[in-house]
Amino acid sequence: MTPHISSEIGDIAPIVLMPGDPLRAKYIAEKYLTNYKLVNEIRSMLAYTGEYNGKKVTVMASGMGNPSMGIYSYELYKFYDVQKIIRIGTCGAYTEDLNLNDIILVDRVFSHSTYALLLDDTMGSIIDPSNDMIDTIKSKAEERNVNLHIGTIYNSDAFYSDNISIDMLRDNHKCLGVEMESFALAANAKHFNRECAILLTVSDSFVKKGELTSEEREKGLDQMIELALESL
């Protein structure tokens, strides 16, 4: 038990799926898990542990931004002996090649965040998720005929910022889009020598019109969710 997670040791599975939204965690548990139970509700950051095709899994919300993801993934790795975390979130697209509901499998996170520096004096702006988990998800996507866009995501600490050039991020750093939680997750995984993977569904675009509604973000990401669950 920690100040942020009320679960007992053993309540949390070795593999955790982490959406940002607590209601999305609830939706996943109710729709996909059997024998599930609520194992955390401190600050309404809902977590459920159950089974998917006989495999024990926890679905827990991360909240928004690196600090929130940083707290929860840190405590899961350190205090609950979690081995693998799959982030299942949304992002804004930077390229014309991406449409709403397209899925990105992240193989590199680029950020200006100081999270890794403050965590353990790690310099640098790029952290890679776990190759083994990436390969597993790629293989499962091919098996299920899920089209994946694989590449770099930009991680931002500021949701609204006019001080960063999308053209620079896209053209110089090959960023496919932007989100706010992956850098802290990847930094914590590296810090504890654990594994992580990052799957993102395009919810809006900086180069095309249109965006998913709040309800669609909560309940309309089934293809990504199912890919993550099948990759367990």
C-alpha atoms as a PDB file:
ATOM      1  CA  MET A   1       0.000   0.000   0.000  1.00  0.00           C
ATOM      2  CA  THR A   2       1.278   3.475  -0.921  1.00  0.00           C
ATOM      3  CA  PRO A   3      -0.081   7.008  -0.431  1.00  0.00           C
ATOM      4  CA  HIS A   4      -1.572   6.767  -3.938  1.00  0.00           C
ATOM      5  CA  ILE A   5      -2.487   3.077  -4.312  1.00  0.00           C
ATOM      6  CA  SER A   6      -4.554   1.220  -1.718  1.00  0.00           C
ATOM      7  CA  SER A   7      -4.010  -2.249  -3.187  1.00  0.00           C
ATOM      8  CA  GLU A   8      -2.465  -5.004  -1.116  1.00  0.00           C
ATOM      9  CA  ILE A   9       0.559  -6.907  -2.405  1.00  0.00           C
ATOM     10  CA  GLY A  10      -0.824  -9.543  -4.763  1.00  0.00           C
ATOM     11  CA  ASP A  11      -3.799  -7.429  -5.803  1.00  0.00           C
ATOM     12  CA  ILE A  12      -1.842  -6.042  -8.759  1.00  0.00           C
ATOM     13  CA  ALA A  13      -0.920  -8.356 -11.645  1.00  0.00           C
ATOM     14  CA  PRO A  14       2.639  -8.509 -13.064  1.00  0.00           C
ATOM     15  CA  ILE A  15       1.273  -6.987 -16.284  1.00  0.00           C
ATOM     16  CA  VAL A  16      -0.657  -3.705 -16.188  1.00  0.00           C
ATOM     17  CA  LEU A  17      -2.573  -1.905 -18.926  1.00  0.00           C
ATOM     18  CA  MET A  18      -2.646   1.846 -18.307  1.00  0.00           C
ATOM     19  CA  PRO A  19      -5.170   4.097 -20.009  1.00  0.00           C
ATOM     20  CA  GLY A  20      -5.161   7.706 -18.922  1.00  0.00           C
ATOM     21  CA  ASP A  21      -8.860   7.961 -18.060  1.00  0.00           C
ATOM     22  CA  PRO A  22     -10.206   6.146 -14.963  1.00  0.00           C
ATOM     23  CA  LEU A  23     -13.533   5.624 -16.750  1.00  0.00           C
ATOM     24  CA  ARG A  24     -11.697   3.931 -19.603  1.00  0.00           C
ATOM     25  CA  ALA A  25     -10.136   1.547 -17.080  1.00  0.00           C
ATOM     26  CA  LYS A  26     -13.629   0.788 -15.755  1.00  0.00           C
ATOM     27  CA  TYR A  27     -14.919   0.268 -19.291  1.00  0.00           C
ATOM     28  CA  ILE A  28     -12.116  -2.181 -20.112  1.00  0.00           C
ATOM     29  CA  ALA A  29     -12.628  -4.188 -16.930  1.00  0.00           C
ATOM     30  CA  GLU A  30     -16.385  -4.451 -17.417  1.00  0.00           C
ATOM     31  CA  LYS A  31     -16.193  -5.333 -21.111  1.00  0.00           C
ATOM     32  CA  TYR A  32     -13.135  -7.558 -21.336  1.00  0.00           C
ATOM     33  CA  LEU A  33     -12.119  -9.019 -17.963  1.00  0.00           C
ATOM     34  CA  THR A  34     -13.595 -11.919 -16.037  1.00  0.00           C
ATOM     35  CA  ASN A  35     -13.538 -12.316 -12.263  1.00  0.00           C
ATOM     36  CA  TYR A  36     -12.414  -8.713 -11.953  1.00  0.00           C
ATOM     37  CA  LYS A  37     -12.397  -6.680  -8.777  1.00  0.00           C
ATOM     38  CA  LEU A  38     -11.752  -3.042  -7.937  1.00  0.00           C
ATOM     39  CA  VAL A  39      -8.315  -2.827  -6.282  1.00  0.00           C
ATOM     40  CA  ASN A  40      -7.813   0.943  -6.089  1.00  0.00           C
ATOM     41  CA  GLU A  41     -10.011   4.034  -5.980  1.00  0.00           C
ATOM     42  CA  ILE A  42      -7.845   6.560  -4.117  1.00  0.00           C
ATOM     43  CA  ARG A  43      -8.308   9.950  -5.842  1.00  0.00           C
ATOM     44  CA  SER A  44     -10.728   8.091  -8.164  1.00  0.00           C
ATOM     45  CA  MET A  45      -7.717   6.625 -10.007  1.00  0.00           C
ATOM     46  CA  LEU A  46      -9.526   3.365 -10.653  1.00  0.00           C
ATOM     47  CA  ALA A  47      -7.691   0.042 -10.940  1.00  0.00           C
ATOM     48  CA  TYR A  48      -9.186  -3.376 -11.609  1.00  0.00           C
ATOM     49  CA  THR A  49      -7.554  -6.796 -11.559  1.00  0.00           C
ATOM     50  CA  GLY A  50      -9.109  -9.717 -13.390  1.00  0.00           C
ATOM     51  CA  GLU A  51      -8.417 -12.270 -16.090  1.00  0.00           C
ATOM     52  CA  TYR A  52      -8.299 -12.094 -19.864  1.00  0.00           C
ATOM     53  CA  ASN A  53      -8.307 -15.514 -21.508  1.00  0.00           C
ATOM     54  CA  GLY A  54      -7.017 -16.966 -18.253  1.00  0.00           C
ATOM     55  CA  LYS A  55      -4.180 -14.434 -17.922  1.00  0.00           C
ATOM     56  CA  LYS A  56      -4.134 -12.244 -14.823  1.00  0.00           C
ATOM     57  CA  VAL A  57      -4.002  -8.552 -15.714  1.00  0.00           C
ATOM     58  CA  THR A  58      -4.550  -5.228 -13.997  1.00  0.00           C
ATOM     59  CA  VAL A  59      -6.060  -2.232 -15.752  1.00  0.00           C
ATOM     60  CA  MET A  60      -5.211   1.018 -13.979  1.00  0.00           C
ATOM     61  CA  ALA A  61      -5.593   4.654 -14.962  1.00  0.00           C
ATOM     62  CA  SER A  62      -2.478   6.814 -15.102  1.00  0.00           C
ATOM     63  CA  GLY A  63      -4.090  10.245 -15.098  1.00  0.00           C
ATOM     64  CA  MET A  64      -2.799  13.025 -17.336  1.00  0.00           C
ATOM     65  CA  GLY A  65       0.767  14.183 -17.825  1.00  0.00           C
ATOM     66  CA  ASN A  66       4.231  12.931 -16.910  1.00  0.00           C
ATOM     67  CA  PRO A  67       3.936  13.691 -13.175  1.00  0.00           C
ATOM     68  CA  SER A  68       0.786  11.584 -12.789  1.00  0.00           C
ATOM     69  CA  MET A  69       2.044   8.730 -14.958  1.00  0.00           C
ATOM     70  CA  GLY A  70       5.379   9.052 -13.178  1.00  0.00           C
ATOM     71  CA  ILE A  71       3.868   8.546  -9.721  1.00  0.00           C
ATOM     72  CA  TYR A  72       1.689   5.556 -10.587  1.00  0.00           C
ATOM     73  CA  SER A  73       4.099   3.653 -12.826  1.00  0.00           C
ATOM     74  CA  TYR A  74       6.953   4.277 -10.354  1.00  0.00           C
ATOM     75  CA  GLU A  75       4.951   2.802  -7.479  1.00  0.00           C
ATOM     76  CA  LEU A  76       3.712  -0.113  -9.579  1.00  0.00           C
ATOM     77  CA  TYR A  77       7.251  -1.067 -10.584  1.00  0.00           C
ATOM     78  CA  LYS A  78       8.857  -0.469  -7.178  1.00  0.00           C
ATOM     79  CA  PHE A  79       6.255  -1.514  -4.594  1.00  0.00           C
ATOM     80  CA  TYR A  80       4.051  -3.985  -6.488  1.00  0.00           C
ATOM     81  CA  ASP A  81       6.738  -5.769  -8.514  1.00  0.00           C
ATOM     82  CA  VAL A  82       5.010  -5.060 -11.807  1.00  0.00           C
ATOM     83  CA  GLN A  83       7.139  -6.339 -14.671  1.00  0.00           C
ATOM     84  CA  LYS A  84       5.427  -4.885 -17.728  1.00  0.00           C
ATOM     85  CA  ILE A  85       3.189  -1.897 -18.391  1.00  0.00           C
ATOM     86  CA  ILE A  86       1.376  -1.190 -21.652  1.00  0.00           C
ATOM     87  CA  ARG A  87       0.216   2.382 -22.035  1.00  0.00           C
ATOM     88  CA  ILE A  88      -2.982   2.571 -24.097  1.00  0.00           C
ATOM     89  CA  GLY A  89      -3.724   6.212 -24.768  1.00  0.00           C
ATOM     90  CA  THR A  90      -4.546   8.831 -27.355  1.00  0.00           C
ATOM     91  CA  CYS A  91      -2.462  11.359 -29.243  1.00  0.00           C
ATOM     92  CA  GLY A  92      -2.608  14.249 -31.681  1.00  0.00           C
ATOM     93  CA  ALA A  93      -1.252  13.561 -35.176  1.00  0.00           C
ATOM     94  CA  TYR A  94       1.512  15.595 -36.809  1.00  0.00           C
ATOM     95  CA  THR A  95       1.438  13.965 -40.256  1.00  0.00           C
ATOM     96  CA  GLU A  96      -0.976  13.795 -43.184  1.00  0.00           C
ATOM     97  CA  ASP A  97      -0.498  10.013 -43.218  1.00  0.00           C
ATOM     98  CA  LEU A  98      -2.416   9.597 -39.957  1.00  0.00           C
ATOM     99  CA  ASN A  99      -6.209   9.608 -39.704  1.00  0.00           C
ATOM    100  CA  LEU A 100      -8.520   9.539 -36.697  1.00  0.00           C
ATOM    101  CA  ASN A 101      -8.531   6.118 -34.989  1.00  0.00           C
ATOM    102  CA  ASP A 102      -5.219   5.065 -36.553  1.00  0.00           C
ATOM    103  CA  ILE A 103      -2.983   3.219 -34.095  1.00  0.00           C
ATOM    104  CA  ILE A 104       0.640   4.065 -33.359  1.00  0.00           C
ATOM    105  CA  LEU A 105       3.070   1.609 -31.799  1.00  0.00           C
ATOM    106  CA  VAL A 106       5.781   3.791 -30.299  1.00  0.00           C
ATOM    107  CA  ASP A 107       9.387   2.659 -30.698  1.00  0.00           C
ATOM    108  CA  ARG A 108      10.958   5.915 -29.467  1.00  0.00           C
ATOM    109  CA  VAL A 109       9.868   8.764 -27.194  1.00  0.00           C
ATOM    110  CA  PHE A 110      11.322  12.237 -27.733  1.00  0.00           C
ATOM    111  CA  SER A 111      10.729  14.905 -25.086  1.00  0.00           C
ATOM    112  CA  HIS A 112      11.955  18.160 -23.589  1.00  0.00           C
ATOM    113  CA  SER A 113      10.780  16.954 -20.176  1.00  0.00           C
ATOM    114  CA  THR A 114      13.230  16.938 -17.267  1.00  0.00           C
ATOM    115  CA  TYR A 115      11.511  13.906 -15.707  1.00  0.00           C
ATOM    116  CA  ALA A 116      14.361  11.455 -16.374  1.00  0.00           C
ATOM    117  CA  LEU A 117      16.959  13.979 -15.257  1.00  0.00           C
ATOM    118  CA  LEU A 118      15.213  14.534 -11.934  1.00  0.00           C
ATOM    119  CA  LEU A 119      14.532  10.811 -11.477  1.00  0.00           C
ATOM    120  CA  ASP A 120      18.077   9.520 -11.677  1.00  0.00           C
ATOM    121  CA  ASP A 121      20.254  12.152 -13.337  1.00  0.00           C
ATOM    122  CA  THR A 122      19.683  10.644 -16.788  1.00  0.00           C
ATOM    123  CA  MET A 123      20.634  13.148 -19.460  1.00  0.00           C
ATOM    124  CA  GLY A 124      19.044  13.093 -22.881  1.00  0.00           C
ATOM    125  CA  SER A 125      15.707  13.570 -24.541  1.00  0.00           C
ATOM    126  CA  ILE A 126      15.090  10.135 -26.074  1.00  0.00           C
ATOM    127  CA  ILE A 127      14.022   6.915 -24.359  1.00  0.00           C
ATOM    128  CA  ASP A 128      12.999   3.720 -26.127  1.00  0.00           C
ATOM    129  CA  PRO A 129      10.285   1.318 -24.937  1.00  0.00           C
ATOM    130  CA  SER A 130      11.050  -2.410 -24.668  1.00  0.00           C
ATOM    131  CA  ASN A 131      11.998  -4.139 -27.925  1.00  0.00           C
ATOM    132  CA  ASP A 132      10.604  -7.513 -26.864  1.00  0.00           C
ATOM    133  CA  MET A 133       7.205  -6.025 -26.103  1.00  0.00           C
ATOM    134  CA  ILE A 134       7.240  -4.067 -29.364  1.00  0.00           C
ATOM    135  CA  ASP A 135       7.987  -7.263 -31.307  1.00  0.00           C
ATOM    136  CA  THR A 136       5.178  -9.133 -29.543  1.00  0.00           C
ATOM    137  CA  ILE A 137       2.641  -6.416 -30.324  1.00  0.00           C
ATOM    138  CA  LYS A 138       3.803  -6.183 -33.957  1.00  0.00           C
ATOM    139  CA  SER A 139       3.405  -9.939 -34.348  1.00  0.00           C
ATOM    140  CA  LYS A 140      -0.066  -9.904 -32.798  1.00  0.00           C
ATOM    141  CA  ALA A 141      -1.102  -6.967 -35.010  1.00  0.00           C
ATOM    142  CA  GLU A 142      -0.068  -8.892 -38.119  1.00  0.00           C
ATOM    143  CA  GLU A 143      -2.005 -11.914 -36.898  1.00  0.00           C
ATOM    144  CA  ARG A 144      -5.137  -9.788 -36.370  1.00  0.00           C
ATOM    145  CA  ASN A 145      -4.676  -7.689 -39.538  1.00  0.00           C
ATOM    146  CA  VAL A 146      -4.347  -4.483 -37.518  1.00  0.00           C
ATOM    147  CA  ASN A 147      -2.548  -1.729 -39.401  1.00  0.00           C
ATOM    148  CA  LEU A 148       0.084  -0.129 -37.158  1.00  0.00           C
ATOM    149  CA  HIS A 149       2.078   3.042 -37.672  1.00  0.00           C
ATOM    150  CA  ILE A 150       5.415   2.479 -35.947  1.00  0.00           C
ATOM    151  CA  GLY A 151       7.668   5.359 -34.971  1.00  0.00           C
ATOM    152  CA  THR A 152       8.591   8.222 -32.658  1.00  0.00           C
ATOM    153  CA  ILE A 153       6.142  10.152 -30.499  1.00  0.00           C
ATOM    154  CA  TYR A 154       6.730  13.597 -29.029  1.00  0.00           C
ATOM    155  CA  ASN A 155       6.014  13.869 -25.318  1.00  0.00           C
ATOM    156  CA  SER A 156       5.062  17.310 -24.050  1.00  0.00           C
ATOM    157  CA  ASP A 157       4.693  18.709 -20.533  1.00  0.00           C
ATOM    158  CA  ALA A 158       2.503  21.548 -21.858  1.00  0.00           C
ATOM    159  CA  PHE A 159      -0.783  20.674 -23.540  1.00  0.00           C
ATOM    160  CA  TYR A 160      -1.068  24.151 -25.036  1.00  0.00           C
ATOM    161  CA  SER A 161       2.261  25.492 -26.292  1.00  0.00           C
ATOM    162  CA  ASP A 162       3.127  27.942 -29.048  1.00  0.00           C
ATOM    163  CA  ASN A 163       6.852  27.641 -28.371  1.00  0.00           C
ATOM    164  CA  ILE A 164       7.464  24.392 -30.215  1.00  0.00           C
ATOM    165  CA  SER A 165       7.552  23.884 -33.974  1.00  0.00           C
ATOM    166  CA  ILE A 166       5.475  20.989 -35.242  1.00  0.00           C
ATOM    167  CA  ASP A 167       7.446  21.106 -38.504  1.00  0.00           C
ATOM    168  CA  MET A 168      10.697  20.728 -36.551  1.00  0.00           C
ATOM    169  CA  LEU A 169       9.361  17.825 -34.502  1.00  0.00           C
ATOM    170  CA  ARG A 170       7.981  16.097 -37.591  1.00  0.00           C
ATOM    171  CA  ASP A 171      10.824  16.803 -40.030  1.00  0.00           C
ATOM    172  CA  ASN A 172      13.894  16.798 -37.777  1.00  0.00           C
ATOM    173  CA  HIS A 173      12.870  14.288 -35.112  1.00  0.00           C
ATOM    174  CA  LYS A 174      10.429  12.184 -37.189  1.00  0.00           C
ATOM    175  CA  CYS A 175       7.669  12.556 -34.583  1.00  0.00           C
ATOM    176  CA  LEU A 176       4.337  11.126 -35.725  1.00  0.00           C
ATOM    177  CA  GLY A 177       2.341  12.987 -33.099  1.00  0.00           C
ATOM    178  CA  VAL A 178       2.178  14.280 -29.533  1.00  0.00           C
ATOM    179  CA  GLU A 179       0.999  13.058 -26.142  1.00  0.00           C
ATOM    180  CA  MET A 180       1.884  13.689 -22.474  1.00  0.00           C
ATOM    181  CA  GLU A 181       2.582  10.488 -20.517  1.00  0.00           C
ATOM    182  CA  SER A 182       4.986   8.174 -22.347  1.00  0.00           C
ATOM    183  CA  PHE A 183       8.323   9.731 -21.373  1.00  0.00           C
ATOM    184  CA  ALA A 184       7.760   9.233 -17.643  1.00  0.00           C
ATOM    185  CA  LEU A 185       6.635   5.643 -18.190  1.00  0.00           C
ATOM    186  CA  ALA A 186       9.656   4.804 -20.334  1.00  0.00           C
ATOM    187  CA  ALA A 187      11.995   6.529 -17.863  1.00  0.00           C
ATOM    188  CA  ASN A 188      10.585   4.543 -14.933  1.00  0.00           C
ATOM    189  CA  ALA A 189      10.814   1.278 -16.858  1.00  0.00           C
ATOM    190  CA  LYS A 190      14.466   1.990 -17.621  1.00  0.00           C
ATOM    191  CA  HIS A 191      15.148   3.068 -14.013  1.00  0.00           C
ATOM    192  CA  PHE A 192      13.809  -0.217 -12.600  1.00  0.00           C
ATOM    193  CA  ASN A 193      15.046  -2.415 -15.454  1.00  0.00           C
ATOM    194  CA  ARG A 194      11.459  -3.376 -16.275  1.00  0.00           C
ATOM    195  CA  GLU A 195       9.532  -3.313 -19.532  1.00  0.00           C
ATOM    196  CA  CYS A 196       6.959  -1.048 -21.143  1.00  0.00           C
ATOM    197  CA  ALA A 197       5.146  -0.595 -24.423  1.00  0.00           C
ATOM    198  CA  ILE A 198       3.111   2.312 -25.755  1.00  0.00           C
ATOM    199  CA  LEU A 199       0.052   2.078 -28.005  1.00  0.00           C
ATOM    200  CA  LEU A 200      -1.725   5.263 -29.028  1.00  0.00           C
ATOM    201  CA  THR A 201      -4.894   5.927 -30.997  1.00  0.00           C
ATOM    202  CA  VAL A 202      -5.072   9.165 -32.990  1.00  0.00           C
ATOM    203  CA  SER A 203      -7.810  11.265 -31.384  1.00  0.00           C
ATOM    204  CA  ASP A 204      -7.180  14.552 -33.201  1.00  0.00           C
ATOM    205  CA  SER A 205      -4.840  16.067 -35.761  1.00  0.00           C
ATOM    206  CA  PHE A 206      -2.764  19.196 -36.101  1.00  0.00           C
ATOM    207  CA  VAL A 207      -2.811  18.934 -39.911  1.00  0.00           C
ATOM    208  CA  LYS A 208      -6.374  17.713 -40.607  1.00  0.00           C
ATOM    209  CA  LYS A 209      -9.803  18.649 -39.295  1.00  0.00           C
ATOM    210  CA  GLY A 210     -11.719  16.497 -36.854  1.00  0.00           C
ATOM    211  CA  GLU A 211     -11.349  14.979 -33.415  1.00  0.00           C
ATOM    212  CA  LEU A 212     -12.835  12.187 -31.332  1.00  0.00           C
ATOM    213  CA  THR A 213     -15.479  13.127 -28.792  1.00  0.00           C
ATOM    214  CA  SER A 214     -14.946  12.567 -25.076  1.00  0.00           C
ATOM    215  CA  GLU A 215     -17.257   9.530 -25.232  1.00  0.00           C
ATOM    216  CA  GLU A 216     -15.374   8.125 -28.231  1.00  0.00           C
ATOM    217  CA  ARG A 217     -12.087   8.517 -26.335  1.00  0.00           C
ATOM    218  CA  GLU A 218     -13.580   6.697 -23.354  1.00  0.00           C
ATOM    219  CA  LYS A 219     -15.323   3.863 -25.186  1.00  0.00           C
ATOM    220  CA  GLY A 220     -14.292   3.927 -28.841  1.00  0.00           C
ATOM    221  CA  LEU A 221     -10.730   2.614 -28.697  1.00  0.00           C
ATOM    222  CA  ASP A 222     -11.559  -1.080 -28.791  1.00  0.00           C
ATOM    223  CA  GLN A 223      -9.164  -2.088 -31.567  1.00  0.00           C
ATOM    224  CA  MET A 224      -6.171  -0.750 -29.624  1.00  0.00           C
ATOM    225  CA  ILE A 225      -7.449  -2.197 -26.337  1.00  0.00           C
ATOM    226  CA  GLU A 226      -8.003  -5.627 -27.858  1.00  0.00           C
ATOM    227  CA  LEU A 227      -4.542  -5.602 -29.455  1.00  0.00           C
ATOM    228  CA  ALA A 228      -2.981  -4.841 -26.073  1.00  0.00           C
ATOM    229  CA  LEU A 229      -4.980  -7.566 -24.337  1.00  0.00           C
ATOM    230  CA  GLU A 230      -4.232 -10.139 -27.006  1.00  0.00           C
ATOM    231  CA  SER A 231      -0.533  -9.307 -26.704  1.00  0.00           C
ATOM    232  CA  LEU A 232      -0.491 -10.376 -23.034  1.00  0.00           C
END
